[in-house]
Amino acid sequence: AALILFSGVNPAYALPAQTRFREALAKAEMLVSVTTALDETAQLCNIVLPLSTSFESWGDGEAAPGVYNLNQPSMQPLYPSQSLGDTLLAVGLKMGLNFGEVRSFHDYIKAQWQA
């Protein structure tokens, strides 16, 4: 694999040694962690990007089949960080992908909920 992206997981801690996870990582050209903490997996990565907490970012989800929720930030980020959605959008825009009028994850969520 050329790139492996980790977010919200810590397999270097959670997986048993016999899975040979660390050996498998050596086959990747680039390891990126988007995280709120410098955990065991993040320490193995080439790039670690700070992730905003759920208190600091927009989000949505499906808590149970047919039960949808919308998460609004309750505070400004304490540190220079951003949501995973904003990070992925920024990378996509730098790659020249077209997201229409969407320039932030907040824009994306508004557009999805209006659809």
Protein backbone atom coordinates (compact mmCIF):
# COMPACT_ATOMS: atom_id res chain seq x y z
CA ALA A 1 0.00 0.00 0.00
CA ALA A 2 1.28 3.44 -0.83
CA LEU A 3 -0.59 5.22 1.99
CA ILE A 4 -2.34 4.12 5.15
CA LEU A 5 -4.45 6.65 7.05
CA PHE A 6 -5.43 6.07 10.67
CA SER A 7 -8.13 8.00 12.52
CA GLY A 8 -10.03 6.96 15.63
CA VAL A 9 -8.11 3.68 15.93
CA ASN A 10 -4.96 2.46 17.68
CA PRO A 11 -4.15 -0.95 16.19
CA ALA A 12 -0.52 -0.85 17.36
CA TYR A 13 -1.91 -1.05 20.91
CA ALA A 14 -5.03 -3.15 20.34
CA LEU A 15 -3.76 -5.90 18.05
CA PRO A 16 -1.82 -8.85 19.48
CA ALA A 17 1.84 -9.21 18.47
CA GLN A 18 1.15 -12.39 16.47
CA THR A 19 -0.79 -10.33 13.89
CA ARG A 20 2.60 -8.86 12.86
CA PHE A 21 0.93 -5.47 12.42
CA ARG A 22 4.14 -3.48 12.81
CA GLU A 23 5.90 -5.62 10.19
CA ALA A 24 3.01 -5.09 7.79
CA LEU A 25 3.26 -1.30 8.28
CA ALA A 26 6.82 -1.37 7.02
CA LYS A 27 5.43 -2.22 3.54
CA ALA A 28 3.58 1.09 3.30
CA GLU A 29 5.27 4.10 1.76
CA MET A 30 3.47 6.66 3.92
CA LEU A 31 1.71 6.34 7.28
CA VAL A 32 -0.58 9.18 8.41
CA SER A 33 -2.44 9.49 11.69
CA VAL A 34 -5.18 12.06 12.28
CA THR A 35 -5.65 11.90 16.02
CA THR A 36 -6.35 13.73 19.28
CA ALA A 37 -3.51 11.91 21.08
CA LEU A 38 0.01 10.77 20.26
CA ASP A 39 -0.84 7.09 20.78
CA GLU A 40 1.16 3.99 19.89
CA THR A 41 -0.01 3.95 16.26
CA ALA A 42 0.59 7.69 15.77
CA GLN A 43 4.16 7.23 17.03
CA LEU A 44 4.80 4.84 14.12
CA CYS A 45 3.51 7.29 11.48
CA ASN A 46 5.43 9.58 9.14
CA ILE A 47 2.84 12.35 9.55
CA VAL A 48 0.63 13.08 12.57
CA LEU A 49 -2.14 15.65 12.11
CA PRO A 50 -4.01 17.09 15.11
CA LEU A 51 -7.71 16.19 15.16
CA SER A 52 -10.39 18.38 16.72
CA THR A 53 -12.53 16.72 19.37
CA SER A 54 -16.26 16.14 18.90
CA PHE A 55 -16.80 19.23 21.09
CA GLU A 56 -14.92 21.34 18.53
CA SER A 57 -16.27 20.11 15.19
CA TRP A 58 -19.37 19.49 13.11
CA GLY A 59 -20.53 15.95 12.51
CA ASP A 60 -23.48 13.73 11.82
CA GLY A 61 -24.30 10.08 12.15
CA GLU A 62 -26.89 7.35 12.37
CA ALA A 63 -27.16 6.23 16.00
CA ALA A 64 -29.52 3.39 15.07
CA PRO A 65 -31.19 2.45 11.78
CA GLY A 66 -33.39 5.41 10.83
CA VAL A 67 -32.26 7.56 13.80
CA TYR A 68 -30.05 10.40 12.57
CA ASN A 69 -28.17 12.99 14.59
CA LEU A 70 -26.42 16.25 13.86
CA ASN A 71 -23.49 17.37 16.03
CA GLN A 72 -22.77 21.07 16.40
CA PRO A 73 -19.53 22.28 17.99
CA SER A 74 -19.96 23.55 21.53
CA MET A 75 -16.61 25.35 21.64
CA GLN A 76 -13.85 26.72 19.44
CA PRO A 77 -10.80 24.46 18.99
CA LEU A 78 -8.33 24.96 21.83
CA TYR A 79 -5.36 24.20 19.59
CA PRO A 80 -4.62 24.43 15.86
CA SER A 81 -6.61 21.39 14.73
CA GLN A 82 -9.44 20.49 12.40
CA SER A 83 -11.99 17.75 11.91
CA LEU A 84 -11.28 14.66 9.85
CA GLY A 85 -13.85 15.88 7.32
CA ASP A 86 -12.06 19.22 6.93
CA THR A 87 -8.71 17.43 6.58
CA LEU A 88 -10.00 15.10 3.85
CA LEU A 89 -11.69 17.97 2.01
CA ALA A 90 -8.51 20.07 2.13
CA VAL A 91 -6.45 17.19 0.72
CA GLY A 92 -9.05 16.57 -2.00
CA LEU A 93 -9.09 20.25 -2.98
CA LYS A 94 -5.27 20.31 -3.15
CA MET A 95 -5.50 17.26 -5.44
CA GLY A 96 -7.84 19.20 -7.73
CA LEU A 97 -11.03 17.33 -6.86
CA ASN A 98 -14.26 19.25 -7.43
CA PHE A 99 -16.64 19.47 -4.48
CA GLY A 100 -18.82 22.18 -5.99
CA GLU A 101 -19.45 24.99 -3.51
CA VAL A 102 -18.23 22.92 -0.54
CA ARG A 103 -15.11 24.41 1.05
CA SER A 104 -15.46 23.07 4.62
CA PHE A 105 -16.96 20.07 6.36
CA HIS A 106 -19.61 22.41 7.77
CA ASP A 107 -20.57 23.32 4.17
CA TYR A 108 -20.70 19.61 3.30
CA ILE A 109 -22.97 18.75 6.23
CA LYS A 110 -25.33 21.66 5.44
CA ALA A 111 -25.57 20.52 1.83
CA GLN A 112 -26.22 16.90 2.79
CA TRP A 113 -28.93 17.76 5.32
CA GLN A 114 -30.66 20.13 2.87
CA ALA A 115 -30.75 17.44 0.16
